[in-house]
């Protein structure tokens, strides 16, 4: 009976060793993927900051004004003036159509006497 227990214990140790071996390599693989993803995220953040800087450079007011002047024949863009804007109270908002009441109910309140 003892020999069966020894064999079962040895098989359990081998099985656990094999499981630990596989888990170790799976963990190492996932850690490597995580490091690669972190490098990719860092590179994407650098690219994004460069793109933001380029966007700010290309949208300089002086540059846009020069482009509007150069392309005035084709685009007809004029500079914005304060008199081109209106006030909020001058905006006409569309009327909201309310749903018609099909079966109106008359509600009346009865005076409730105070029990005190």
C-alpha atoms as a PDB file:
ATOM      1  CA  UNK A   1       0.000   0.000   0.000  1.00  0.00           C
ATOM      2  CA  UNK A   2       2.908   2.307   0.750  1.00  0.00           C
ATOM      3  CA  UNK A   3       4.376   1.844  -2.695  1.00  0.00           C
ATOM      4  CA  UNK A   4       1.114   2.997  -4.293  1.00  0.00           C
ATOM      5  CA  UNK A   5       1.160   6.107  -2.090  1.00  0.00           C
ATOM      6  CA  UNK A   6       4.773   6.789  -3.101  1.00  0.00           C
ATOM      7  CA  UNK A   7       3.951   6.373  -6.784  1.00  0.00           C
ATOM      8  CA  UNK A   8       0.892   8.648  -6.465  1.00  0.00           C
ATOM      9  CA  UNK A   9       2.914  11.254  -4.582  1.00  0.00           C
ATOM     10  CA  UNK A  10       5.670  11.120  -7.211  1.00  0.00           C
ATOM     11  CA  UNK A  11       3.089  11.490 -10.009  1.00  0.00           C
ATOM     12  CA  UNK A  12       1.518  14.424  -8.166  1.00  0.00           C
ATOM     13  CA  UNK A  13       4.947  16.079  -7.817  1.00  0.00           C
ATOM     14  CA  UNK A  14       5.692  15.521 -11.516  1.00  0.00           C
ATOM     15  CA  UNK A  15       2.269  16.858 -12.481  1.00  0.00           C
ATOM     16  CA  UNK A  16       2.677  19.959 -10.305  1.00  0.00           C
ATOM     17  CA  UNK A  17       6.211  20.509 -11.630  1.00  0.00           C
ATOM     18  CA  UNK A  18       4.936  20.293 -15.219  1.00  0.00           C
ATOM     19  CA  UNK A  19       2.075  22.697 -14.401  1.00  0.00           C
ATOM     20  CA  UNK A  20       4.472  25.166 -12.702  1.00  0.00           C
ATOM     21  CA  UNK A  21       6.861  24.938 -15.667  1.00  0.00           C
ATOM     22  CA  UNK A  22       4.071  25.771 -18.144  1.00  0.00           C
ATOM     23  CA  UNK A  23       2.713  28.585 -15.955  1.00  0.00           C
ATOM     24  CA  UNK A  24       6.195  30.077 -15.630  1.00  0.00           C
ATOM     25  CA  UNK A  25       6.668  30.224 -19.392  1.00  0.00           C
ATOM     26  CA  UNK A  26       3.130  31.519 -19.953  1.00  0.00           C
ATOM     27  CA  UNK A  27       3.794  34.270 -17.401  1.00  0.00           C
ATOM     28  CA  UNK A  28       7.095  35.166 -19.062  1.00  0.00           C
ATOM     29  CA  UNK A  29       5.354  35.363 -22.461  1.00  0.00           C
ATOM     30  CA  UNK A  30       2.597  37.623 -21.089  1.00  0.00           C
ATOM     31  CA  UNK A  31       5.175  39.858 -19.385  1.00  0.00           C
ATOM     32  CA  UNK A  32       7.042  40.187 -22.686  1.00  0.00           C
ATOM     33  CA  UNK A  33       3.806  41.112 -24.480  1.00  0.00           C
ATOM     34  CA  UNK A  34       3.063  43.665 -21.760  1.00  0.00           C
ATOM     35  CA  UNK A  35       6.490  45.256 -22.158  1.00  0.00           C
ATOM     36  CA  UNK A  36       5.985  45.425 -25.930  1.00  0.00           C
ATOM     37  CA  UNK A  37       2.569  47.037 -25.477  1.00  0.00           C
ATOM     38  CA  UNK A  38       4.037  49.593 -23.088  1.00  0.00           C
ATOM     39  CA  UNK A  39       6.740  50.428 -25.651  1.00  0.00           C
ATOM     40  CA  UNK A  40       4.058  50.769 -28.342  1.00  0.00           C
ATOM     41  CA  UNK A  41       1.991  53.056 -26.098  1.00  0.00           C
ATOM     42  CA  UNK A  42       5.047  55.227 -25.400  1.00  0.00           C
ATOM     43  CA  UNK A  43       5.824  55.485 -29.113  1.00  0.00           C
ATOM     44  CA  UNK A  44       2.191  56.357 -29.861  1.00  0.00           C
ATOM     45  CA  UNK A  45       2.259  59.098 -27.213  1.00  0.00           C
ATOM     46  CA  UNK A  46       5.420  60.548 -28.757  1.00  0.00           C
ATOM     47  CA  UNK A  47       3.819  60.478 -32.222  1.00  0.00           C
ATOM     48  CA  UNK A  48       0.681  62.093 -30.822  1.00  0.00           C
ATOM     49  CA  UNK A  49       2.660  64.931 -29.213  1.00  0.00           C
ATOM     50  CA  UNK A  50       4.504  65.502 -32.512  1.00  0.00           C
ATOM     51  CA  UNK A  51       1.199  65.560 -34.404  1.00  0.00           C
ATOM     52  CA  UNK A  52      -0.256  68.048 -31.909  1.00  0.00           C
ATOM     53  CA  UNK A  53       2.781  70.287 -32.341  1.00  0.00           C
ATOM     54  CA  UNK A  54       2.489  70.078 -36.128  1.00  0.00           C
ATOM     55  CA  UNK A  55      -1.235  70.862 -35.942  1.00  0.00           C
ATOM     56  CA  UNK A  56      -0.561  73.905 -33.773  1.00  0.00           C
ATOM     57  CA  UNK A  57       2.161  75.016 -36.193  1.00  0.00           C
ATOM     58  CA  UNK A  58      -0.079  74.615 -39.244  1.00  0.00           C
ATOM     59  CA  UNK A  59      -3.002  76.424 -37.593  1.00  0.00           C
ATOM     60  CA  UNK A  60      -1.123  79.604 -36.778  1.00  0.00           C
ATOM     61  CA  UNK A  61      -3.435  82.594 -37.414  1.00  0.00           C
ATOM     62  CA  UNK A  62      -0.811  84.395 -39.530  1.00  0.00           C
ATOM     63  CA  UNK A  63      -0.318  81.367 -41.779  1.00  0.00           C
ATOM     64  CA  UNK A  64      -4.055  80.828 -42.196  1.00  0.00           C
ATOM     65  CA  UNK A  65      -4.544  84.511 -42.998  1.00  0.00           C
ATOM     66  CA  UNK A  66      -1.803  84.331 -45.653  1.00  0.00           C
ATOM     67  CA  UNK A  67      -3.372  81.208 -47.163  1.00  0.00           C
ATOM     68  CA  UNK A  68      -6.783  82.904 -47.270  1.00  0.00           C
ATOM     69  CA  UNK A  69      -5.239  85.915 -49.017  1.00  0.00           C
ATOM     70  CA  UNK A  70      -3.362  83.754 -51.531  1.00  0.00           C
ATOM     71  CA  UNK A  71      -6.448  81.680 -52.357  1.00  0.00           C
ATOM     72  CA  UNK A  72      -8.980  84.511 -52.247  1.00  0.00           C
ATOM     73  CA  UNK A  73      -9.776  84.122 -55.967  1.00  0.00           C
ATOM     74  CA  UNK A  74     -10.865  80.499 -55.549  1.00  0.00           C
ATOM     75  CA  UNK A  75     -12.266  80.502 -52.008  1.00  0.00           C
ATOM     76  CA  UNK A  76     -13.555  84.025 -51.435  1.00  0.00           C
ATOM     77  CA  UNK A  77     -12.802  83.839 -47.708  1.00  0.00           C
ATOM     78  CA  UNK A  78     -13.116  87.081 -45.777  1.00  0.00           C
ATOM     79  CA  UNK A  79     -11.895  87.815 -42.262  1.00  0.00           C
ATOM     80  CA  UNK A  80     -14.439  87.513 -39.472  1.00  0.00           C
ATOM     81  CA  UNK A  81     -15.834  90.742 -38.075  1.00  0.00           C
ATOM     82  CA  UNK A  82     -17.834  91.314 -34.885  1.00  0.00           C
ATOM     83  CA  UNK A  83     -20.846  92.616 -36.822  1.00  0.00           C
ATOM     84  CA  UNK A  84     -21.203  89.205 -38.532  1.00  0.00           C
ATOM     85  CA  UNK A  85     -22.365  87.632 -35.298  1.00  0.00           C
ATOM     86  CA  UNK A  86     -25.829  87.886 -33.788  1.00  0.00           C
ATOM     87  CA  UNK A  87     -27.130  87.803 -30.255  1.00  0.00           C
ATOM     88  CA  UNK A  88     -28.703  84.752 -28.700  1.00  0.00           C
ATOM     89  CA  UNK A  89     -32.097  86.430 -28.371  1.00  0.00           C
ATOM     90  CA  UNK A  90     -32.131  86.981 -32.157  1.00  0.00           C
ATOM     91  CA  UNK A  91     -31.961  83.266 -32.905  1.00  0.00           C
ATOM     92  CA  UNK A  92     -35.346  81.816 -33.829  1.00  0.00           C
ATOM     93  CA  UNK A  93     -35.682  78.324 -32.450  1.00  0.00           C
ATOM     94  CA  UNK A  94     -38.230  75.957 -34.013  1.00  0.00           C
ATOM     95  CA  UNK A  95     -41.442  75.450 -32.090  1.00  0.00           C
ATOM     96  CA  UNK A  96     -41.787  72.066 -30.466  1.00  0.00           C
ATOM     97  CA  UNK A  97     -45.032  70.360 -31.446  1.00  0.00           C
ATOM     98  CA  UNK A  98     -46.788  69.029 -28.359  1.00  0.00           C
ATOM     99  CA  UNK A  99     -48.714  65.813 -28.563  1.00  0.00           C
ATOM    100  CA  UNK A 100     -52.490  66.315 -28.578  1.00  0.00           C
ATOM    101  CA  UNK A 101     -54.444  65.195 -25.514  1.00  0.00           C
ATOM    102  CA  UNK A 102     -56.761  62.358 -26.517  1.00  0.00           C
ATOM    103  CA  UNK A 103     -58.671  61.610 -23.319  1.00  0.00           C
ATOM    104  CA  UNK A 104     -58.347  64.523 -20.916  1.00  0.00           C
ATOM    105  CA  UNK A 105     -59.224  63.854 -17.303  1.00  0.00           C
ATOM    106  CA  UNK A 106     -60.740  66.560 -15.106  1.00  0.00           C
ATOM    107  CA  UNK A 107     -58.952  66.712 -11.793  1.00  0.00           C
ATOM    108  CA  UNK A 108     -60.382  68.597  -8.874  1.00  0.00           C
ATOM    109  CA  UNK A 109     -59.032  68.806  -5.388  1.00  0.00           C
ATOM    110  CA  UNK A 110     -61.214  68.377  -2.387  1.00  0.00           C
ATOM    111  CA  UNK A 111     -60.475  70.358   0.696  1.00  0.00           C
ATOM    112  CA  UNK A 112     -59.276  67.928   3.338  1.00  0.00           C
ATOM    113  CA  UNK A 113     -60.097  68.958   6.841  1.00  0.00           C
ATOM    114  CA  UNK A 114     -57.239  68.975   9.291  1.00  0.00           C
ATOM    115  CA  UNK A 115     -57.826  66.157  11.833  1.00  0.00           C
ATOM    116  CA  UNK A 116     -56.165  68.145  14.597  1.00  0.00           C
END
